[in-house]
Amino acid sequence: MIKKIAICLILLTLVFCTGYRKPYKYTILAEKDAYYHNNVGLSYLKDRTYYAAIQEFKIAISLSPSTQASAVFYNNLGETYNFIGYPDMAKDCFENAIKLYGLNFKYYLNIVDSYINLGITNSKINELSQNTDVYSQIELGLLYIKTGQKRRGVNLLDEICANEPDLMIIPAIRQYIAEVVKEL
């Protein structure tokens, strides 16, 4: 009798320990997946697989369309477009990056490069000269520098640093000014 009870207990223990498991439930974590796709896109860029990189950046943007992180994704997509010779598409990406997070100086450098690649520097200088917004003035200063008017650009950027010392982008601007001044 004790032998039968022991055998039943062992069988019950085996059933409970190795028995039924709940099926795995897959959940989409949009922000985490967006970072994953961005990183895969960067990996494709290293391998010079541009079409795949573009698709990964687009997936990252679609998973997290209006966050500060998407500004990075848009910038990566824009840099890829600029590199493969589509400055018009790159410009749109950089504009979106600046709209989502306008405090990254690299985005301004990139958008100015796309203006140069598109051949619209003179019209952009005219347009930005009439706008007194500090971010437009940053673009204008960079355009001056990149089109050969370095002193004028440095003076404008230096004036922005003096007038807006608490702006988060100012340290990056000052560092850029120092690099340009070394070249003069």
C-alpha atoms as a PDB file:
ATOM      1  CA  MET A   1       0.000   0.000   0.000  1.00  0.00           C
ATOM      2  CA  ILE A   2       2.775   2.424   0.896  1.00  0.00           C
ATOM      3  CA  LYS A   3       4.512   1.441  -2.313  1.00  0.00           C
ATOM      4  CA  LYS A   4       1.418   2.409  -4.377  1.00  0.00           C
ATOM      5  CA  ILE A   5       1.081   5.773  -2.599  1.00  0.00           C
ATOM      6  CA  ALA A   6       4.759   6.544  -3.188  1.00  0.00           C
ATOM      7  CA  ILE A   7       4.442   5.695  -6.876  1.00  0.00           C
ATOM      8  CA  CYS A   8       1.328   7.924  -7.176  1.00  0.00           C
ATOM      9  CA  LEU A   9       3.116  10.809  -5.472  1.00  0.00           C
ATOM     10  CA  ILE A  10       6.113  10.452  -7.754  1.00  0.00           C
ATOM     11  CA  LEU A  11       3.846  10.415 -10.824  1.00  0.00           C
ATOM     12  CA  LEU A  12       1.930  13.473  -9.618  1.00  0.00           C
ATOM     13  CA  THR A  13       5.189  15.304  -8.960  1.00  0.00           C
ATOM     14  CA  LEU A  14       6.442  14.505 -12.455  1.00  0.00           C
ATOM     15  CA  VAL A  15       3.198  15.697 -14.014  1.00  0.00           C
ATOM     16  CA  PHE A  16       3.293  19.016 -12.164  1.00  0.00           C
ATOM     17  CA  CYS A  17       7.000  19.639 -12.698  1.00  0.00           C
ATOM     18  CA  THR A  18       7.236  18.788 -16.386  1.00  0.00           C
ATOM     19  CA  GLY A  19       3.664  19.241 -17.437  1.00  0.00           C
ATOM     20  CA  TYR A  20       1.681  21.934 -19.104  1.00  0.00           C
ATOM     21  CA  ARG A  21       3.187  25.353 -19.812  1.00  0.00           C
ATOM     22  CA  LYS A  22       1.395  28.427 -20.959  1.00  0.00           C
ATOM     23  CA  PRO A  23       2.137  29.292 -24.576  1.00  0.00           C
ATOM     24  CA  TYR A  24       4.606  32.146 -25.148  1.00  0.00           C
ATOM     25  CA  LYS A  25       2.847  35.411 -25.789  1.00  0.00           C
ATOM     26  CA  TYR A  26       4.642  37.727 -28.231  1.00  0.00           C
ATOM     27  CA  THR A  27       4.318  41.425 -27.490  1.00  0.00           C
ATOM     28  CA  ILE A  28       5.631  44.298 -29.534  1.00  0.00           C
ATOM     29  CA  LEU A  29       7.574  46.884 -27.588  1.00  0.00           C
ATOM     30  CA  ALA A  30       7.650  49.679 -30.133  1.00  0.00           C
ATOM     31  CA  GLU A  31      10.449  51.781 -28.643  1.00  0.00           C
ATOM     32  CA  LYS A  32      12.709  48.810 -27.945  1.00  0.00           C
ATOM     33  CA  ASP A  33      12.058  47.398 -31.409  1.00  0.00           C
ATOM     34  CA  ALA A  34      12.707  50.825 -32.950  1.00  0.00           C
ATOM     35  CA  TYR A  35      16.177  50.936 -31.371  1.00  0.00           C
ATOM     36  CA  TYR A  36      16.807  47.398 -32.585  1.00  0.00           C
ATOM     37  CA  HIS A  37      15.896  48.298 -36.184  1.00  0.00           C
ATOM     38  CA  ASN A  38      18.015  51.457 -36.025  1.00  0.00           C
ATOM     39  CA  ASN A  39      20.996  49.410 -34.851  1.00  0.00           C
ATOM     40  CA  VAL A  40      20.413  46.851 -37.610  1.00  0.00           C
ATOM     41  CA  GLY A  41      20.321  49.750 -40.081  1.00  0.00           C
ATOM     42  CA  LEU A  42      23.655  51.035 -38.769  1.00  0.00           C
ATOM     43  CA  SER A  43      25.062  47.537 -39.157  1.00  0.00           C
ATOM     44  CA  TYR A  44      23.880  47.429 -42.771  1.00  0.00           C
ATOM     45  CA  LEU A  45      25.558  50.798 -43.356  1.00  0.00           C
ATOM     46  CA  LYS A  46      28.879  49.365 -42.194  1.00  0.00           C
ATOM     47  CA  ASP A  47      28.400  46.573 -44.719  1.00  0.00           C
ATOM     48  CA  ARG A  48      27.507  49.136 -47.416  1.00  0.00           C
ATOM     49  CA  THR A  49      24.077  47.583 -47.870  1.00  0.00           C
ATOM     50  CA  TYR A  50      22.292  50.894 -48.291  1.00  0.00           C
ATOM     51  CA  TYR A  51      18.835  49.751 -49.389  1.00  0.00           C
ATOM     52  CA  ALA A  52      18.521  47.435 -46.374  1.00  0.00           C
ATOM     53  CA  ALA A  53      19.774  50.192 -44.069  1.00  0.00           C
ATOM     54  CA  ILE A  54      17.184  52.616 -45.442  1.00  0.00           C
ATOM     55  CA  GLN A  55      14.413  50.074 -44.870  1.00  0.00           C
ATOM     56  CA  GLU A  56      15.542  49.439 -41.287  1.00  0.00           C
ATOM     57  CA  PHE A  57      15.628  53.173 -40.510  1.00  0.00           C
ATOM     58  CA  LYS A  58      12.139  53.548 -41.973  1.00  0.00           C
ATOM     59  CA  ILE A  59      10.881  50.696 -39.782  1.00  0.00           C
ATOM     60  CA  ALA A  60      12.472  52.327 -36.725  1.00  0.00           C
ATOM     61  CA  ILE A  61      10.758  55.617 -37.552  1.00  0.00           C
ATOM     62  CA  SER A  62       7.386  53.939 -38.086  1.00  0.00           C
ATOM     63  CA  LEU A  63       7.610  52.166 -34.718  1.00  0.00           C
ATOM     64  CA  SER A  64       8.375  55.364 -32.854  1.00  0.00           C
ATOM     65  CA  PRO A  65       7.295  58.231 -35.135  1.00  0.00           C
ATOM     66  CA  SER A  66       7.149  61.269 -32.882  1.00  0.00           C
ATOM     67  CA  THR A  67       9.726  60.762 -30.168  1.00  0.00           C
ATOM     68  CA  GLN A  68      13.087  62.363 -29.593  1.00  0.00           C
ATOM     69  CA  ALA A  69      14.702  59.041 -30.541  1.00  0.00           C
ATOM     70  CA  SER A  70      13.063  59.288 -33.959  1.00  0.00           C
ATOM     71  CA  ALA A  71      15.155  62.385 -34.581  1.00  0.00           C
ATOM     72  CA  VAL A  72      18.209  60.113 -34.492  1.00  0.00           C
ATOM     73  CA  PHE A  73      16.506  57.639 -36.826  1.00  0.00           C
ATOM     74  CA  TYR A  74      15.589  60.427 -39.254  1.00  0.00           C
ATOM     75  CA  ASN A  75      19.139  61.743 -39.123  1.00  0.00           C
ATOM     76  CA  ASN A  76      20.576  58.299 -39.868  1.00  0.00           C
ATOM     77  CA  LEU A  77      18.161  57.912 -42.786  1.00  0.00           C
ATOM     78  CA  GLY A  78      19.078  61.388 -44.057  1.00  0.00           C
ATOM     79  CA  GLU A  79      22.799  60.706 -43.842  1.00  0.00           C
ATOM     80  CA  THR A  80      22.280  57.523 -45.847  1.00  0.00           C
ATOM     81  CA  TYR A  81      20.267  59.335 -48.514  1.00  0.00           C
ATOM     82  CA  ASN A  82      22.867  62.113 -48.675  1.00  0.00           C
ATOM     83  CA  PHE A  83      25.671  59.585 -49.017  1.00  0.00           C
ATOM     84  CA  ILE A  84      24.047  57.693 -51.900  1.00  0.00           C
ATOM     85  CA  GLY A  85      23.176  60.879 -53.778  1.00  0.00           C
ATOM     86  CA  TYR A  86      19.608  61.782 -52.840  1.00  0.00           C
ATOM     87  CA  PRO A  87      20.030  65.169 -51.100  1.00  0.00           C
ATOM     88  CA  ASP A  88      16.369  66.127 -51.604  1.00  0.00           C
ATOM     89  CA  MET A  89      15.228  63.103 -49.590  1.00  0.00           C
ATOM     90  CA  ALA A  90      18.011  63.737 -47.087  1.00  0.00           C
ATOM     91  CA  LYS A  91      16.862  67.330 -46.596  1.00  0.00           C
ATOM     92  CA  ASP A  92      13.361  66.147 -45.687  1.00  0.00           C
ATOM     93  CA  CYS A  93      14.803  63.713 -43.157  1.00  0.00           C
ATOM     94  CA  PHE A  94      17.012  66.366 -41.557  1.00  0.00           C
ATOM     95  CA  GLU A  95      14.059  68.767 -41.363  1.00  0.00           C
ATOM     96  CA  ASN A  96      12.065  66.099 -39.531  1.00  0.00           C
ATOM     97  CA  ALA A  97      14.991  65.430 -37.197  1.00  0.00           C
ATOM     98  CA  ILE A  98      15.236  69.136 -36.352  1.00  0.00           C
ATOM     99  CA  LYS A  99      11.468  69.356 -35.785  1.00  0.00           C
ATOM    100  CA  LEU A 100      11.595  66.458 -33.332  1.00  0.00           C
ATOM    101  CA  TYR A 101      14.761  67.578 -31.547  1.00  0.00           C
ATOM    102  CA  GLY A 102      16.276  70.872 -32.593  1.00  0.00           C
ATOM    103  CA  LEU A 103      19.113  70.853 -30.093  1.00  0.00           C
ATOM    104  CA  ASN A 104      21.499  68.518 -31.879  1.00  0.00           C
ATOM    105  CA  PHE A 105      24.084  70.532 -33.776  1.00  0.00           C
ATOM    106  CA  LYS A 106      24.889  67.622 -36.092  1.00  0.00           C
ATOM    107  CA  TYR A 107      21.408  67.870 -37.616  1.00  0.00           C
ATOM    108  CA  TYR A 108      22.115  71.470 -38.643  1.00  0.00           C
ATOM    109  CA  LEU A 109      25.457  70.528 -40.160  1.00  0.00           C
ATOM    110  CA  ASN A 110      23.754  67.763 -42.124  1.00  0.00           C
ATOM    111  CA  ILE A 111      20.905  69.902 -43.432  1.00  0.00           C
ATOM    112  CA  VAL A 112      23.364  72.544 -44.595  1.00  0.00           C
ATOM    113  CA  ASP A 113      25.292  69.823 -46.449  1.00  0.00           C
ATOM    114  CA  SER A 114      22.080  68.776 -48.170  1.00  0.00           C
ATOM    115  CA  TYR A 115      21.457  72.418 -49.204  1.00  0.00           C
ATOM    116  CA  ILE A 116      24.925  72.489 -50.729  1.00  0.00           C
ATOM    117  CA  ASN A 117      24.375  69.162 -52.510  1.00  0.00           C
ATOM    118  CA  LEU A 118      21.058  70.450 -53.875  1.00  0.00           C
ATOM    119  CA  GLY A 119      22.685  73.688 -55.069  1.00  0.00           C
ATOM    120  CA  ILE A 120      20.214  75.918 -53.201  1.00  0.00           C
ATOM    121  CA  THR A 121      22.637  77.727 -50.903  1.00  0.00           C
ATOM    122  CA  ASN A 122      21.987  81.219 -52.263  1.00  0.00           C
ATOM    123  CA  SER A 123      18.201  80.935 -52.014  1.00  0.00           C
ATOM    124  CA  LYS A 124      18.495  79.467 -48.505  1.00  0.00           C
ATOM    125  CA  ILE A 125      20.819  82.296 -47.443  1.00  0.00           C
ATOM    126  CA  ASN A 126      18.253  84.824 -48.685  1.00  0.00           C
ATOM    127  CA  GLU A 127      15.413  82.979 -46.966  1.00  0.00           C
ATOM    128  CA  LEU A 128      17.238  82.497 -43.660  1.00  0.00           C
ATOM    129  CA  SER A 129      18.525  86.093 -43.613  1.00  0.00           C
ATOM    130  CA  GLN A 130      14.955  87.322 -43.265  1.00  0.00           C
ATOM    131  CA  ASN A 131      14.165  85.007 -40.359  1.00  0.00           C
ATOM    132  CA  THR A 132      15.268  86.098 -36.885  1.00  0.00           C
ATOM    133  CA  ASP A 133      14.630  82.703 -35.236  1.00  0.00           C
ATOM    134  CA  VAL A 134      17.794  81.527 -33.460  1.00  0.00           C
ATOM    135  CA  TYR A 135      17.739  78.125 -35.156  1.00  0.00           C
ATOM    136  CA  SER A 136      17.424  79.699 -38.591  1.00  0.00           C
ATOM    137  CA  GLN A 137      20.354  81.918 -37.689  1.00  0.00           C
ATOM    138  CA  ILE A 138      22.395  78.831 -36.780  1.00  0.00           C
ATOM    139  CA  GLU A 139      21.688  77.401 -40.244  1.00  0.00           C
ATOM    140  CA  LEU A 140      22.578  80.757 -41.808  1.00  0.00           C
ATOM    141  CA  GLY A 141      25.894  80.900 -39.947  1.00  0.00           C
ATOM    142  CA  LEU A 142      26.740  77.393 -41.073  1.00  0.00           C
ATOM    143  CA  LEU A 143      25.783  78.223 -44.654  1.00  0.00           C
ATOM    144  CA  TYR A 144      28.104  81.236 -44.589  1.00  0.00           C
ATOM    145  CA  ILE A 145      30.964  79.084 -43.315  1.00  0.00           C
ATOM    146  CA  LYS A 146      30.378  76.252 -45.787  1.00  0.00           C
ATOM    147  CA  THR A 147      30.123  78.645 -48.740  1.00  0.00           C
ATOM    148  CA  GLY A 148      33.442  80.325 -47.986  1.00  0.00           C
ATOM    149  CA  GLN A 149      32.272  83.303 -45.931  1.00  0.00           C
ATOM    150  CA  LYS A 150      33.910  81.914 -42.802  1.00  0.00           C
ATOM    151  CA  ARG A 151      34.420  85.163 -40.889  1.00  0.00           C
ATOM    152  CA  ARG A 152      30.819  86.209 -41.440  1.00  0.00           C
ATOM    153  CA  GLY A 153      29.575  82.791 -40.332  1.00  0.00           C
ATOM    154  CA  VAL A 154      31.815  82.680 -37.271  1.00  0.00           C
ATOM    155  CA  ASN A 155      30.686  86.184 -36.264  1.00  0.00           C
ATOM    156  CA  LEU A 156      27.022  85.204 -36.582  1.00  0.00           C
ATOM    157  CA  LEU A 157      27.450  81.987 -34.609  1.00  0.00           C
ATOM    158  CA  ASP A 158      29.517  83.811 -31.977  1.00  0.00           C
ATOM    159  CA  GLU A 159      26.760  86.420 -31.671  1.00  0.00           C
ATOM    160  CA  ILE A 160      24.204  83.632 -31.132  1.00  0.00           C
ATOM    161  CA  CYS A 161      26.418  82.194 -28.368  1.00  0.00           C
ATOM    162  CA  ALA A 162      26.605  85.595 -26.677  1.00  0.00           C
ATOM    163  CA  ASN A 163      22.859  86.284 -26.946  1.00  0.00           C
ATOM    164  CA  GLU A 164      21.652  82.789 -25.984  1.00  0.00           C
ATOM    165  CA  PRO A 165      24.202  81.457 -23.451  1.00  0.00           C
ATOM    166  CA  ASP A 166      21.736  79.059 -21.786  1.00  0.00           C
ATOM    167  CA  LEU A 167      20.693  77.278 -24.972  1.00  0.00           C
ATOM    168  CA  MET A 168      21.699  73.597 -24.838  1.00  0.00           C
ATOM    169  CA  ILE A 169      23.205  73.639 -28.333  1.00  0.00           C
ATOM    170  CA  ILE A 170      25.665  76.449 -27.501  1.00  0.00           C
ATOM    171  CA  PRO A 171      28.589  74.234 -26.324  1.00  0.00           C
ATOM    172  CA  ALA A 172      28.547  72.371 -29.642  1.00  0.00           C
ATOM    173  CA  ILE A 173      28.449  75.668 -31.543  1.00  0.00           C
ATOM    174  CA  ARG A 174      31.404  77.006 -29.554  1.00  0.00           C
ATOM    175  CA  GLN A 175      33.394  73.854 -30.277  1.00  0.00           C
ATOM    176  CA  TYR A 176      32.598  74.178 -33.979  1.00  0.00           C
ATOM    177  CA  ILE A 177      33.614  77.854 -33.969  1.00  0.00           C
ATOM    178  CA  ALA A 178      36.956  76.901 -32.390  1.00  0.00           C
ATOM    179  CA  GLU A 179      37.588  74.328 -35.129  1.00  0.00           C
ATOM    180  CA  VAL A 180      36.734  76.817 -37.887  1.00  0.00           C
ATOM    181  CA  VAL A 181      38.899  79.542 -36.328  1.00  0.00           C
ATOM    182  CA  LYS A 182      41.892  77.168 -36.329  1.00  0.00           C
ATOM    183  CA  GLU A 183      41.471  76.860 -40.107  1.00  0.00           C
ATOM    184  CA  LEU A 184      41.427  80.658 -40.657  1.00  0.00           C
END
